N, C-alpha and C. Protein backbone atom coordinates (compact mmCIF):
# COMPACT_ATOMS: atom_id res chain seq x y z
N MET A 1 112.32 82.42 102.51
CA MET A 1 111.52 83.12 103.90
C MET A 1 110.64 81.82 104.68
N ARG A 2 110.74 81.59 105.82
CA ARG A 2 110.16 80.79 106.51
C ARG A 2 108.57 80.48 106.57
N ASN A 3 108.40 79.64 106.49
CA ASN A 3 106.60 79.43 106.44
C ASN A 3 106.06 79.67 107.89
N LEU A 4 105.44 80.81 108.40
CA LEU A 4 104.77 81.02 109.57
C LEU A 4 103.28 80.46 109.75
N ASN A 5 103.51 79.60 108.43
CA ASN A 5 101.54 79.47 109.27
C ASN A 5 101.53 78.44 109.92
N GLY A 6 100.68 78.27 110.94
CA GLY A 6 100.84 77.98 112.04
C GLY A 6 101.55 77.55 113.08
N MET A 7 102.64 78.58 112.68
CA MET A 7 103.45 78.66 113.75
C MET A 7 103.04 79.31 115.14
N GLU A 8 103.78 79.38 116.20
CA GLU A 8 103.55 80.08 117.74
C GLU A 8 103.80 81.32 117.49
N ILE A 9 102.63 81.87 117.96
CA ILE A 9 102.78 83.67 117.27
C ILE A 9 103.92 84.23 118.21
N ARG A 10 104.48 83.99 119.31
CA ARG A 10 106.09 84.56 119.58
C ARG A 10 107.00 84.35 118.89
N LYS A 11 106.83 83.23 118.58
CA LYS A 11 108.28 82.24 117.16
C LYS A 11 107.78 83.21 115.88
N ALA A 12 106.58 83.25 115.55
CA ALA A 12 106.44 83.86 113.97
C ALA A 12 106.86 85.24 114.50
N THR A 13 106.49 86.10 115.22
CA THR A 13 106.75 87.28 115.60
C THR A 13 108.20 87.65 115.57
N ARG A 14 108.68 86.96 116.59
CA ARG A 14 110.40 86.96 116.64
C ARG A 14 110.65 86.94 114.92
N ILE A 15 110.53 85.83 114.29
CA ILE A 15 110.91 86.01 112.96
C ILE A 15 110.94 87.10 112.16
N ALA A 16 109.25 87.72 112.45
CA ALA A 16 108.87 88.76 111.23
C ALA A 16 109.83 89.97 111.52
N ARG A 17 109.89 90.24 113.11
CA ARG A 17 110.92 91.35 113.64
C ARG A 17 112.09 91.39 113.35
N GLY A 18 112.83 90.33 112.96
CA GLY A 18 113.91 89.99 112.85
C GLY A 18 114.65 90.42 111.28
N GLU A 19 113.52 90.19 110.33
CA GLU A 19 113.28 90.46 109.25
C GLU A 19 113.23 91.84 108.65
N LEU A 20 112.06 92.54 109.44
CA LEU A 20 112.45 93.87 109.40
C LEU A 20 113.32 94.59 109.83
N GLU A 21 113.92 94.10 111.14
CA GLU A 21 115.21 94.98 111.34
C GLU A 21 116.01 95.10 110.36
N ARG A 22 116.44 93.75 110.13
CA ARG A 22 117.79 93.40 108.73
C ARG A 22 116.99 94.39 107.78
N ALA A 23 116.09 94.75 107.39
CA ALA A 23 115.35 95.49 106.04
C ALA A 23 115.98 96.79 106.76
N GLY A 24 115.95 97.26 108.22
CA GLY A 24 115.80 98.81 108.10
C GLY A 24 114.55 99.54 108.06
N VAL A 25 113.77 98.79 108.39
CA VAL A 25 112.48 98.94 108.50
C VAL A 25 111.07 99.06 109.76
N ARG A 26 110.74 100.18 110.08
CA ARG A 26 109.95 100.70 111.49
C ARG A 26 109.08 99.70 111.31
N ILE A 27 109.17 98.77 113.44
CA ILE A 27 108.20 98.28 113.25
C ILE A 27 107.20 98.88 114.33
N VAL A 28 105.40 98.50 114.52
CA VAL A 28 104.88 99.23 114.68
C VAL A 28 104.05 97.44 115.07
N SER A 29 103.52 98.00 116.58
CA SER A 29 102.55 97.19 117.39
C SER A 29 101.15 97.33 117.03
N VAL A 30 100.52 96.11 116.51
CA VAL A 30 98.94 96.36 116.28
C VAL A 30 98.13 95.09 116.90
N ALA A 31 96.78 95.26 116.92
CA ALA A 31 96.29 94.37 117.34
C ALA A 31 95.32 93.69 116.20
N ILE A 32 95.65 92.42 116.31
CA ILE A 32 94.65 92.07 115.29
C ILE A 32 93.39 91.85 115.94
N ILE A 33 92.60 92.41 115.26
CA ILE A 33 91.02 92.39 115.56
C ILE A 33 89.81 91.75 114.72
N LYS A 34 90.32 91.30 113.48
CA LYS A 34 89.56 90.41 112.72
C LYS A 34 90.31 89.09 112.60
N PRO A 35 90.78 88.26 113.31
CA PRO A 35 91.74 87.42 113.37
C PRO A 35 91.13 86.27 111.76
N ARG A 36 89.85 86.18 111.13
CA ARG A 36 89.93 85.71 110.25
C ARG A 36 90.26 86.17 108.97
N LEU A 37 90.15 87.09 108.91
CA LEU A 37 91.07 88.24 108.11
C LEU A 37 92.74 88.01 107.51
N VAL A 38 93.12 87.54 108.74
CA VAL A 38 95.07 87.28 107.93
C VAL A 38 95.34 86.11 108.14
N ASN A 39 96.41 85.48 107.19
CA ASN A 39 96.75 84.32 107.29
C ASN A 39 98.24 83.77 108.62
N VAL A 40 98.68 85.14 109.05
CA VAL A 40 99.61 85.18 110.35
C VAL A 40 98.73 86.14 111.23
N LEU A 41 98.60 85.35 112.72
CA LEU A 41 98.50 86.32 113.45
C LEU A 41 99.78 86.72 114.23
N ILE A 42 100.82 87.77 113.50
CA ILE A 42 101.52 88.25 114.38
C ILE A 42 101.36 89.94 114.64
N PRO A 43 101.62 90.45 115.97
CA PRO A 43 100.97 91.52 116.30
C PRO A 43 101.48 92.56 115.71
N ILE A 44 102.26 92.97 114.79
CA ILE A 44 103.56 93.54 114.45
C ILE A 44 103.06 93.80 112.58
N ILE A 45 103.40 95.04 112.32
CA ILE A 45 103.74 95.28 110.92
C ILE A 45 104.48 96.18 110.77
N GLY A 46 105.45 96.20 109.20
CA GLY A 46 106.52 97.16 108.95
C GLY A 46 105.83 98.34 108.62
N LEU A 47 106.45 99.75 108.52
CA LEU A 47 106.04 101.19 108.46
C LEU A 47 107.04 101.45 107.65
N GLN A 48 107.05 102.45 106.67
CA GLN A 48 108.45 103.34 106.46
C GLN A 48 107.57 104.71 106.04
N MET A 49 107.49 105.86 106.72
CA MET A 49 107.03 107.03 106.68
C MET A 49 108.43 108.01 106.05
N PHE A 50 107.80 108.58 105.58
CA PHE A 50 108.37 109.81 104.76
C PHE A 50 108.08 111.21 105.01
N ASP A 51 108.76 112.49 105.17
CA ASP A 51 108.56 113.91 105.34
C ASP A 51 107.50 114.27 104.49
N ASN A 52 107.45 113.73 103.22
CA ASN A 52 106.52 114.42 102.10
C ASN A 52 105.05 113.59 102.71
N GLY A 53 104.85 112.91 103.44
CA GLY A 53 103.71 112.08 103.89
C GLY A 53 103.24 110.73 102.93
N ARG A 54 104.23 110.28 102.61
CA ARG A 54 104.17 108.96 101.91
C ARG A 54 104.43 108.12 103.05
N LEU A 55 104.14 106.71 102.68
CA LEU A 55 103.95 105.55 103.95
C LEU A 55 103.97 104.48 102.62
N VAL A 56 104.69 103.59 103.66
CA VAL A 56 104.55 101.97 102.86
C VAL A 56 104.62 100.95 104.13
N THR A 57 103.42 100.02 104.15
CA THR A 57 103.15 98.88 104.86
C THR A 57 104.23 97.73 104.50
N PHE A 58 104.60 96.86 105.58
CA PHE A 58 105.31 95.74 105.47
C PHE A 58 103.98 94.34 106.10
N VAL A 59 103.12 93.95 105.45
CA VAL A 59 102.19 92.67 106.19
C VAL A 59 103.00 91.45 106.08
N ARG A 60 103.22 90.97 107.10
CA ARG A 60 104.08 89.23 107.10
C ARG A 60 102.47 88.47 106.23
N GLU A 61 102.79 87.40 105.42
CA GLU A 61 101.64 86.60 105.05
C GLU A 61 102.74 85.40 105.60
N ASN A 62 101.96 84.10 105.18
CA ASN A 62 102.98 82.88 105.23
C ASN A 62 104.22 82.70 104.81
N VAL A 63 104.35 83.00 103.75
CA VAL A 63 105.55 82.99 103.56
C VAL A 63 106.64 83.71 102.19
N PHE A 64 105.69 85.10 102.55
CA PHE A 64 105.98 86.13 102.07
C PHE A 64 105.51 87.21 102.88
N TRP A 65 106.04 88.51 102.26
CA TRP A 65 105.94 89.95 102.79
C TRP A 65 104.92 90.50 101.91
N LYS A 66 103.67 91.41 102.40
CA LYS A 66 102.66 92.19 101.36
C LYS A 66 103.53 93.62 101.72
N VAL A 67 103.91 93.97 100.54
CA VAL A 67 104.56 95.67 100.57
C VAL A 67 103.29 96.44 99.50
N ARG A 68 102.90 97.50 100.25
CA ARG A 68 102.16 98.26 100.01
C ARG A 68 102.57 100.02 100.03
N ALA A 69 102.42 100.63 99.09
CA ALA A 69 103.47 102.21 99.22
C ALA A 69 102.30 103.04 98.90
N SER A 70 101.78 104.03 99.45
CA SER A 70 101.09 105.05 99.26
C SER A 70 100.93 106.08 98.13
N ALA A 71 102.67 105.91 97.60
CA ALA A 71 102.47 106.53 96.34
C ALA A 71 103.34 105.57 95.01
N LYS A 72 102.75 105.32 93.77
CA LYS A 72 103.61 104.79 92.68
C LYS A 72 105.07 104.75 92.99
N LEU A 73 105.84 103.81 92.88
CA LEU A 73 107.31 104.19 91.72
C LEU A 73 106.97 104.55 90.53
N ASP A 74 107.69 105.29 90.04
CA ASP A 74 107.57 105.71 88.43
C ASP A 74 107.73 104.31 87.72
N PRO A 75 107.36 104.56 86.27
CA PRO A 75 108.01 103.16 85.41
C PRO A 75 108.45 102.22 85.27
N GLU A 76 109.98 103.43 85.06
CA GLU A 76 111.04 103.10 84.64
C GLU A 76 112.25 102.27 86.49
N LEU A 77 111.75 103.14 86.93
CA LEU A 77 112.52 102.79 88.30
C LEU A 77 111.37 100.92 89.05
N ALA A 78 110.32 100.84 88.52
CA ALA A 78 109.43 99.93 89.28
C ALA A 78 109.79 99.05 88.09
N ASN A 79 110.40 98.74 86.83
CA ASN A 79 110.67 98.16 85.56
C ASN A 79 111.88 97.28 86.00
N ALA A 80 112.88 98.56 86.47
CA ALA A 80 114.45 98.29 86.91
C ALA A 80 114.17 97.09 88.59
N VAL A 81 113.23 97.59 89.18
CA VAL A 81 113.16 96.38 90.10
C VAL A 81 112.38 95.08 90.15
N ASN A 82 111.94 95.19 89.27
CA ASN A 82 110.88 94.08 88.24
C ASN A 82 112.65 93.20 87.90
N ILE A 83 113.44 94.18 86.87
CA ILE A 83 114.18 93.19 86.18
C ILE A 83 115.09 92.52 86.92
N LEU A 84 115.69 93.09 88.28
CA LEU A 84 116.54 92.96 88.91
C LEU A 84 116.16 91.69 90.21
N PHE A 85 115.01 92.12 90.41
CA PHE A 85 114.46 91.26 91.45
C PHE A 85 113.19 90.58 91.55
N GLY A 86 112.72 90.54 90.20
CA GLY A 86 111.54 89.76 89.81
C GLY A 86 111.08 88.44 90.24
N ASP A 87 112.56 87.89 90.57
CA ASP A 87 111.93 86.27 90.82
C ASP A 87 111.77 86.24 92.34
N VAL A 88 111.96 87.74 92.98
CA VAL A 88 111.75 87.40 94.53
C VAL A 88 110.74 88.68 94.98
N THR A 89 110.63 89.54 94.24
CA THR A 89 109.86 90.98 94.73
C THR A 89 108.69 90.66 93.21
N ARG A 90 107.53 90.26 93.43
CA ARG A 90 106.78 90.09 92.47
C ARG A 90 105.69 91.47 92.22
N VAL A 91 105.79 92.02 91.08
CA VAL A 91 104.58 93.23 91.18
C VAL A 91 103.37 92.72 90.79
N TYR A 92 102.89 93.76 91.80
CA TYR A 92 101.17 93.35 92.40
C TYR A 92 101.04 91.90 93.23
N GLY A 93 101.83 91.25 93.35
CA GLY A 93 101.94 89.70 93.56
C GLY A 93 101.91 88.60 92.88
N GLU A 94 102.09 88.79 91.56
CA GLU A 94 102.07 87.85 90.60
C GLU A 94 103.11 87.25 90.09
N SER A 95 103.01 86.33 89.97
CA SER A 95 103.92 85.27 89.85
C SER A 95 104.73 85.33 88.27
N ASN A 96 105.80 84.91 87.42
CA ASN A 96 105.56 84.85 86.11
C ASN A 96 105.99 86.05 85.34
N GLY A 97 107.01 87.01 86.34
CA GLY A 97 107.30 88.26 85.84
C GLY A 97 106.46 89.29 84.97
N ALA A 98 105.32 89.50 86.12
CA ALA A 98 104.38 90.64 85.67
C ALA A 98 104.64 91.96 85.24
N SER A 99 104.62 92.59 84.04
CA SER A 99 104.96 93.55 83.61
C SER A 99 104.47 94.70 84.69
N VAL A 100 105.43 96.01 85.04
CA VAL A 100 104.56 97.54 85.28
C VAL A 100 103.73 97.88 84.45
N ARG A 101 102.68 98.30 85.37
CA ARG A 101 101.97 99.12 84.62
C ARG A 101 102.17 100.51 84.05
N LYS A 102 101.64 101.31 83.27
CA LYS A 102 102.15 102.61 82.53
C LYS A 102 102.43 104.09 83.85
N ASP A 103 101.66 103.39 84.68
CA ASP A 103 101.28 104.52 85.91
C ASP A 103 102.56 103.99 87.14
N GLY A 104 103.18 102.87 86.95
CA GLY A 104 104.20 102.42 87.81
C GLY A 104 103.57 101.72 88.79
N CYS A 105 103.86 101.03 89.99
CA CYS A 105 103.73 99.94 90.91
C CYS A 105 103.64 100.90 92.05
N SER A 106 102.67 100.23 93.07
CA SER A 106 102.69 100.32 94.49
C SER A 106 102.35 99.38 95.67
N HIS A 107 102.46 98.01 95.07
CA HIS A 107 102.34 96.61 95.51
C HIS A 107 103.22 95.53 95.16
N TRP A 108 103.51 95.11 96.30
CA TRP A 108 104.51 93.60 96.00
C TRP A 108 104.55 92.68 96.98
N HIS A 109 104.70 91.61 96.45
CA HIS A 109 104.82 89.93 97.38
C HIS A 109 106.10 89.95 97.22
N VAL A 110 106.90 90.02 98.45
CA VAL A 110 108.09 89.92 98.60
C VAL A 110 108.54 88.58 99.03
N ASP A 111 109.64 87.23 98.33
CA ASP A 111 109.68 86.02 98.62
C ASP A 111 111.14 86.16 99.51
N THR A 112 111.86 86.83 99.34
CA THR A 112 113.01 86.46 100.51
C THR A 112 113.37 87.71 101.07
N THR A 113 114.15 87.33 102.02
CA THR A 113 115.34 88.54 102.90
C THR A 113 115.46 89.64 101.93
N ALA A 114 116.91 88.71 101.21
CA ALA A 114 117.39 89.29 100.22
C ALA A 114 116.58 90.64 99.38
N GLY A 115 115.29 89.98 98.79
CA GLY A 115 114.31 90.84 98.31
C GLY A 115 113.60 91.83 99.03
N LEU A 116 113.40 91.46 100.13
CA LEU A 116 112.91 92.66 100.88
C LEU A 116 113.68 93.69 101.78
N ASN A 117 115.03 93.21 101.78
CA ASN A 117 116.17 94.65 102.19
C ASN A 117 116.36 95.09 100.27
N ALA A 118 116.18 94.99 99.65
CA ALA A 118 116.28 95.58 98.23
C ALA A 118 115.26 96.33 98.06
N LEU A 119 114.07 95.72 97.91
CA LEU A 119 112.67 96.81 97.99
C LEU A 119 113.05 97.79 98.68
N ALA A 120 112.72 97.58 100.07
CA ALA A 120 112.95 98.35 101.01
C ALA A 120 114.05 99.55 100.88
N ALA A 121 115.15 99.06 100.62
CA ALA A 121 116.45 100.16 100.32
C ALA A 121 115.48 101.05 99.04
N VAL A 122 115.20 100.51 97.93
CA VAL A 122 115.11 101.06 96.90
C VAL A 122 113.87 102.24 97.25
N LEU A 123 112.65 101.83 97.84
CA LEU A 123 111.68 102.42 98.39
C LEU A 123 112.35 104.14 99.28
N THR A 124 112.65 103.41 100.01
CA THR A 124 113.81 104.63 101.16
C THR A 124 114.61 105.60 99.80
N HIS A 125 115.17 105.40 99.12
CA HIS A 125 115.82 105.95 98.12
C HIS A 125 115.08 107.22 97.48
N ARG A 126 114.03 106.22 97.11
CA ARG A 126 113.05 107.10 95.92
C ARG A 126 111.93 107.54 96.23
N LEU A 127 111.71 107.40 97.26
CA LEU A 127 110.10 108.06 97.67
C LEU A 127 110.49 109.06 99.09
N GLY A 128 111.58 109.75 98.95
CA GLY A 128 111.80 110.57 100.04
C GLY A 128 112.76 110.62 101.05
N ARG A 129 113.11 111.57 102.40
CA ARG A 129 113.77 111.36 103.11
C ARG A 129 112.84 110.50 104.53
N ARG A 130 112.98 109.75 104.89
CA ARG A 130 112.91 109.34 106.00
C ARG A 130 112.13 110.08 107.12
N SER A 131 111.19 109.58 107.87
CA SER A 131 110.36 110.32 109.24
C SER A 131 111.01 110.05 109.84
N ARG A 132 110.87 111.05 110.95
CA ARG A 132 111.04 110.73 112.33
C ARG A 132 110.02 110.49 113.43
N ALA A 133 108.93 110.99 112.66
CA ALA A 133 107.96 111.52 113.66
C ALA A 133 107.28 110.51 114.06
N PRO A 134 106.66 110.51 114.80
CA PRO A 134 105.67 109.20 115.78
C PRO A 134 105.13 108.36 114.35
N SER A 135 104.94 106.97 114.81
CA SER A 135 103.70 106.42 113.97
C SER A 135 102.82 106.92 113.82
N PRO A 136 102.09 107.03 112.74
CA PRO A 136 100.29 107.51 112.98
C PRO A 136 99.76 106.38 113.48
N ASP A 137 98.60 106.76 113.72
CA ASP A 137 97.31 105.75 114.09
C ASP A 137 97.37 104.55 113.21
N ILE A 138 96.78 103.38 113.60
CA ILE A 138 96.46 102.67 112.57
C ILE A 138 95.11 102.97 111.43
N SER A 139 94.54 103.74 112.29
CA SER A 139 93.43 104.61 111.20
C SER A 139 93.65 105.21 110.07
N GLN A 140 94.85 106.12 110.18
CA GLN A 140 95.39 106.70 109.09
C GLN A 140 95.98 106.06 108.27
N ILE A 141 96.82 104.96 108.89
CA ILE A 141 97.04 103.76 107.83
C ILE A 141 96.58 103.14 106.58
N LYS A 142 95.18 103.10 107.57
CA LYS A 142 94.21 102.29 106.84
C LYS A 142 93.52 103.29 105.49
N ALA A 143 93.19 104.52 106.13
CA ALA A 143 92.70 105.54 105.25
C ALA A 143 93.62 105.92 103.66
N PHE A 144 94.86 105.25 103.94
CA PHE A 144 95.29 105.40 102.33
C PHE A 144 95.26 104.16 101.77
N GLY A 145 94.43 103.05 102.29
CA GLY A 145 93.99 101.63 101.86
C GLY A 145 95.55 100.86 102.15
N LEU A 146 96.03 101.20 102.80
CA LEU A 146 97.43 100.10 102.67
C LEU A 146 97.39 98.82 104.02
N LEU A 147 95.98 98.91 104.88
CA LEU A 147 95.62 97.60 105.89
C LEU A 147 94.16 97.79 105.61
N THR A 148 94.43 96.11 106.11
CA THR A 148 92.46 95.84 105.96
C THR A 148 92.00 95.87 106.95
N GLU A 149 91.02 95.57 107.25
CA GLU A 149 90.38 95.95 109.02
C GLU A 149 90.46 94.98 109.41
N ALA A 150 91.34 94.15 109.36
CA ALA A 150 91.67 93.10 110.39
C ALA A 150 93.00 93.54 111.62
N TYR A 151 92.99 94.77 110.76
CA TYR A 151 94.09 95.48 112.27
C TYR A 151 93.59 96.69 112.80
N GLY A 152 93.90 96.80 113.90
CA GLY A 152 93.29 97.98 115.03
C GLY A 152 94.94 98.49 115.83
N ASN A 153 94.37 99.29 116.38
CA ASN A 153 95.70 100.05 117.29
C ASN A 153 96.00 99.08 118.54
N ARG A 154 97.38 98.93 119.15
CA ARG A 154 97.55 97.83 120.01
C ARG A 154 96.88 98.31 120.92
N TRP A 155 96.02 99.17 121.59
CA TRP A 155 95.69 99.61 122.54
C TRP A 155 94.14 99.12 122.37
N GLU A 156 93.40 98.85 121.03
CA GLU A 156 92.55 98.41 121.08
C GLU A 156 91.91 97.39 121.33
N ARG A 157 90.63 96.76 121.81
CA ARG A 157 90.31 95.48 122.59
C ARG A 157 90.63 94.48 121.52
N LYS A 158 90.84 93.83 121.51
CA LYS A 158 90.78 92.03 120.19
C LYS A 158 89.90 92.05 120.10
């Protein structure tokens, strides 16, 4: 994955958009309302929504994607993801093959495009049927604890 730190915003956004599109993840425009709280100033995030109300966010950092789900993958599947992709899909963002907690996992750092594609596919397969509903308001996504206060709706003043 390319390091986006210090890269011109349009170029960094184009790269991140391509990574999300290849992974089959919905792209949502956002405003960066507290720039000092983010490492990469790109005006998009990834979002997977499911008919059962579950959400997954994808936020691009310098050299990885931070992926957070509103529901945990069960421990067996989370361990399988960790075993198969642990070198590029880090459980809880920890290196050195952190083990999955007994109640499962809902947070990963993903270091490669292949890891992003694989994790997005596993989450889609396991968390339910994808929703075709319009994307929720950013405040609703924040209510799940999936985004920080750095992000706002695209139409909010920056």
